[in-house]
N, C-alpha and C. Protein backbone atom coordinates (compact mmCIF):
# COMPACT_ATOMS: atom_id res chain seq x y z
N MET A 1 75.18 0.53 95.51
CA MET A 1 76.52 0.89 95.24
C MET A 1 76.62 2.43 95.41
N VAL A 2 77.70 2.87 96.01
CA VAL A 2 77.86 4.35 96.24
C VAL A 2 79.09 4.69 95.29
N ARG A 3 78.80 5.81 94.62
CA ARG A 3 79.85 6.33 93.71
C ARG A 3 80.21 7.74 94.29
N TRP A 4 81.52 7.98 94.32
CA TRP A 4 81.98 9.27 94.69
C TRP A 4 82.57 10.01 93.55
N MET A 5 82.37 11.32 93.50
CA MET A 5 82.96 12.11 92.46
C MET A 5 84.45 12.21 92.69
N LYS A 6 85.26 12.13 91.62
CA LYS A 6 86.70 12.17 91.74
C LYS A 6 87.07 13.43 92.48
N GLY A 7 87.93 13.28 93.46
CA GLY A 7 88.47 14.43 94.22
C GLY A 7 87.53 14.86 95.39
N PHE A 8 86.40 14.23 95.47
CA PHE A 8 85.46 14.62 96.59
C PHE A 8 85.68 13.67 97.76
N VAL A 9 86.08 14.20 98.90
CA VAL A 9 86.23 13.37 100.14
C VAL A 9 85.31 14.07 101.18
N PRO A 10 84.27 13.37 101.58
CA PRO A 10 83.51 13.89 102.70
C PRO A 10 84.36 13.85 103.98
N THR A 11 84.22 14.90 104.76
CA THR A 11 84.99 15.02 105.98
C THR A 11 84.08 15.02 107.17
N LEU A 12 84.14 13.96 107.99
CA LEU A 12 83.34 13.95 109.26
C LEU A 12 84.31 13.80 110.35
N VAL A 13 83.81 14.24 111.59
CA VAL A 13 84.61 14.07 112.71
C VAL A 13 83.80 13.39 113.80
N LEU A 14 84.38 12.36 114.45
CA LEU A 14 83.69 11.70 115.51
C LEU A 14 84.10 12.32 116.79
N VAL A 15 83.21 12.87 117.55
CA VAL A 15 83.42 13.47 118.83
C VAL A 15 82.42 12.96 119.82
N ALA A 16 82.97 12.35 120.92
CA ALA A 16 82.09 11.72 121.89
C ALA A 16 80.91 10.96 121.32
N GLY A 17 81.21 10.17 120.27
CA GLY A 17 80.18 9.24 119.77
C GLY A 17 79.22 9.98 118.81
N ASN A 18 79.38 11.25 118.49
CA ASN A 18 78.60 12.00 117.58
C ASN A 18 79.39 12.34 116.32
N LEU A 19 78.70 12.32 115.16
CA LEU A 19 79.40 12.77 113.98
C LEU A 19 79.05 14.16 113.73
N PHE A 20 80.06 15.03 113.42
CA PHE A 20 79.89 16.42 113.10
C PHE A 20 80.62 16.72 111.88
N ALA A 21 80.09 17.53 110.96
CA ALA A 21 80.72 18.04 109.89
C ALA A 21 81.89 18.87 110.33
N ALA A 22 83.08 18.67 109.70
CA ALA A 22 84.24 19.29 110.21
C ALA A 22 84.27 20.89 109.99
N ASP A 23 83.34 21.31 109.17
CA ASP A 23 83.26 22.75 109.01
C ASP A 23 82.39 23.54 109.93
N LYS A 24 81.91 22.95 111.00
CA LYS A 24 81.09 23.58 111.99
C LYS A 24 82.00 24.29 112.97
N VAL A 25 81.55 25.43 113.49
CA VAL A 25 82.27 26.22 114.41
C VAL A 25 81.92 25.95 115.82
N ASN A 26 82.83 25.64 116.68
CA ASN A 26 82.62 25.45 118.10
C ASN A 26 82.55 26.85 118.82
N VAL A 27 81.39 27.26 119.22
CA VAL A 27 81.21 28.52 119.78
C VAL A 27 81.85 28.67 121.16
N ASN A 28 82.23 27.62 121.77
CA ASN A 28 82.93 27.66 123.03
C ASN A 28 84.41 27.94 122.94
N THR A 29 84.95 27.75 121.72
CA THR A 29 86.47 27.92 121.54
C THR A 29 86.83 28.87 120.45
N ALA A 30 85.83 29.18 119.60
CA ALA A 30 86.13 30.00 118.40
C ALA A 30 86.47 31.43 118.77
N SER A 31 87.46 32.03 118.06
CA SER A 31 87.77 33.44 118.24
C SER A 31 86.72 34.26 117.43
N ALA A 32 86.75 35.56 117.55
CA ALA A 32 85.94 36.45 116.84
C ALA A 32 86.11 36.30 115.42
N ALA A 33 87.37 36.12 114.98
CA ALA A 33 87.74 35.99 113.56
C ALA A 33 87.12 34.68 112.95
N GLU A 34 87.17 33.63 113.75
CA GLU A 34 86.62 32.32 113.29
C GLU A 34 85.05 32.43 113.23
N LEU A 35 84.47 33.10 114.14
CA LEU A 35 83.01 33.27 114.18
C LEU A 35 82.57 34.07 112.99
N LYS A 36 83.38 35.09 112.52
CA LYS A 36 82.97 35.88 111.41
C LYS A 36 82.84 35.08 110.12
N GLN A 37 83.28 33.76 110.08
CA GLN A 37 83.11 32.98 108.87
C GLN A 37 81.66 32.46 108.75
N LEU A 38 80.88 32.68 109.74
CA LEU A 38 79.41 32.25 109.73
C LEU A 38 78.61 33.15 108.90
N PRO A 39 77.53 32.67 108.38
CA PRO A 39 76.62 33.54 107.52
C PRO A 39 76.13 34.78 108.30
N GLU A 40 76.27 35.93 107.68
CA GLU A 40 75.78 37.16 108.20
C GLU A 40 76.44 37.66 109.50
N MET A 41 77.54 37.00 109.81
CA MET A 41 78.18 37.36 111.12
C MET A 41 79.21 38.51 110.88
N ASN A 42 79.10 39.54 111.66
CA ASN A 42 79.97 40.70 111.50
C ASN A 42 80.87 40.90 112.70
N ASP A 43 81.68 41.89 112.78
CA ASP A 43 82.55 42.15 113.94
C ASP A 43 81.76 42.23 115.26
N ALA A 44 80.71 43.07 115.23
CA ALA A 44 79.88 43.36 116.41
C ALA A 44 79.32 42.08 117.01
N ARG A 45 78.74 41.26 116.12
CA ARG A 45 78.11 39.99 116.51
C ARG A 45 79.14 38.94 117.04
N ALA A 46 80.22 38.85 116.36
CA ALA A 46 81.31 37.90 116.72
C ALA A 46 81.88 38.37 118.12
N THR A 47 82.03 39.65 118.27
CA THR A 47 82.64 40.12 119.55
C THR A 47 81.55 39.96 120.70
N ALA A 48 80.32 40.03 120.30
CA ALA A 48 79.23 39.89 121.35
C ALA A 48 79.20 38.45 121.86
N ILE A 49 79.47 37.45 120.90
CA ILE A 49 79.51 36.07 121.32
C ILE A 49 80.67 35.82 122.27
N VAL A 50 81.85 36.31 121.89
CA VAL A 50 83.02 36.14 122.73
C VAL A 50 82.83 36.72 124.07
N ASN A 51 82.31 38.02 124.10
CA ASN A 51 82.15 38.67 125.41
C ASN A 51 81.15 37.92 126.28
N TYR A 52 80.07 37.50 125.68
CA TYR A 52 79.02 36.72 126.41
C TYR A 52 79.68 35.48 126.98
N ARG A 53 80.41 34.76 126.21
CA ARG A 53 81.08 33.51 126.68
C ARG A 53 82.05 33.85 127.84
N LYS A 54 82.74 34.95 127.72
CA LYS A 54 83.69 35.30 128.85
C LYS A 54 82.99 35.68 130.07
N SER A 55 81.85 36.28 129.95
CA SER A 55 81.17 36.73 131.14
C SER A 55 80.27 35.73 131.78
N THR A 56 79.74 34.74 131.01
CA THR A 56 78.87 33.77 131.56
C THR A 56 79.36 32.31 131.58
N GLY A 57 80.50 32.12 130.93
CA GLY A 57 81.03 30.74 130.79
C GLY A 57 80.65 30.09 129.55
N GLU A 58 81.03 28.85 129.37
CA GLU A 58 80.81 28.15 128.12
C GLU A 58 79.35 27.95 127.86
N PHE A 59 78.93 27.87 126.60
CA PHE A 59 77.57 27.55 126.15
C PHE A 59 77.35 26.10 126.48
N ILE A 60 76.15 25.76 126.81
CA ILE A 60 75.71 24.38 127.07
C ILE A 60 74.97 23.82 125.85
N GLN A 61 74.11 24.73 125.28
CA GLN A 61 73.36 24.43 124.07
C GLN A 61 73.47 25.55 123.04
N VAL A 62 73.46 25.15 121.81
CA VAL A 62 73.49 26.13 120.73
C VAL A 62 72.41 27.22 120.85
N ASP A 63 71.30 26.83 121.16
CA ASP A 63 70.16 27.82 121.28
C ASP A 63 70.39 28.97 122.24
N GLU A 64 71.37 28.81 123.12
CA GLU A 64 71.74 29.92 124.06
C GLU A 64 72.24 31.14 123.25
N LEU A 65 72.62 31.03 122.04
CA LEU A 65 73.07 32.13 121.21
C LEU A 65 71.91 33.13 121.03
N GLU A 66 70.74 32.63 121.12
CA GLU A 66 69.53 33.48 121.01
C GLU A 66 69.47 34.53 122.20
N LEU A 67 70.13 34.27 123.27
CA LEU A 67 70.11 35.15 124.41
C LEU A 67 70.98 36.46 124.12
N ILE A 68 71.79 36.39 123.09
CA ILE A 68 72.62 37.55 122.78
C ILE A 68 71.82 38.39 121.78
N PRO A 69 71.44 39.63 122.16
CA PRO A 69 70.67 40.49 121.32
C PRO A 69 71.11 40.70 119.90
N GLN A 70 72.50 40.88 119.70
CA GLN A 70 73.00 41.14 118.42
C GLN A 70 72.97 39.85 117.57
N VAL A 71 72.89 38.69 118.11
CA VAL A 71 72.94 37.46 117.41
C VAL A 71 71.51 36.89 117.13
N LYS A 72 70.57 37.25 117.98
CA LYS A 72 69.22 36.70 117.81
C LYS A 72 68.67 36.85 116.41
N PRO A 73 68.84 38.01 115.75
CA PRO A 73 68.19 38.12 114.36
C PRO A 73 68.77 37.16 113.39
N ILE A 74 70.02 36.67 113.55
CA ILE A 74 70.64 35.76 112.55
C ILE A 74 70.70 34.29 113.04
N TYR A 75 70.14 34.05 114.28
CA TYR A 75 70.30 32.73 114.80
C TYR A 75 69.88 31.58 113.86
N GLY A 76 68.78 31.80 113.14
CA GLY A 76 68.27 30.83 112.26
C GLY A 76 69.21 30.49 111.14
N LYS A 77 70.03 31.48 110.79
CA LYS A 77 70.95 31.30 109.72
C LYS A 77 72.23 30.64 110.06
N ILE A 78 72.61 30.70 111.38
CA ILE A 78 73.88 30.15 111.89
C ILE A 78 73.73 28.89 112.65
N LYS A 79 72.57 28.56 113.08
CA LYS A 79 72.38 27.39 114.09
C LYS A 79 72.92 26.07 113.55
N ASP A 80 72.75 25.88 112.21
CA ASP A 80 73.20 24.58 111.63
C ASP A 80 74.72 24.60 111.31
N HIS A 81 75.37 25.77 111.59
CA HIS A 81 76.78 25.90 111.35
C HIS A 81 77.62 25.96 112.46
N VAL A 82 77.05 25.75 113.69
CA VAL A 82 77.79 25.85 114.95
C VAL A 82 77.53 24.60 115.82
N VAL A 83 78.48 24.33 116.71
CA VAL A 83 78.30 23.25 117.70
C VAL A 83 78.81 23.84 119.00
N VAL A 84 78.44 23.05 120.13
CA VAL A 84 78.85 23.39 121.40
C VAL A 84 79.56 22.15 121.93
N GLU A 85 80.78 22.23 122.12
CA GLU A 85 81.61 21.03 122.67
C GLU A 85 82.45 21.44 123.85
């Protein structure tokens, strides 16, 4: 038997057959302001992601974020909070 805490509603999103937590950030569509909600993300890093995406096209895999020098140091802290859709 599963018991839920009163007022707690888990939120999941079904996308192309995969379940994603609704609070993940899609790095292919997120603005710099949305990216700044990620752990240790600042203006410079968020802008670097947006600029990289504009110059190279959409990300195919999350680990491509490691190719951005400003983001590489925090990749381990953000990888579980982002998706590529």
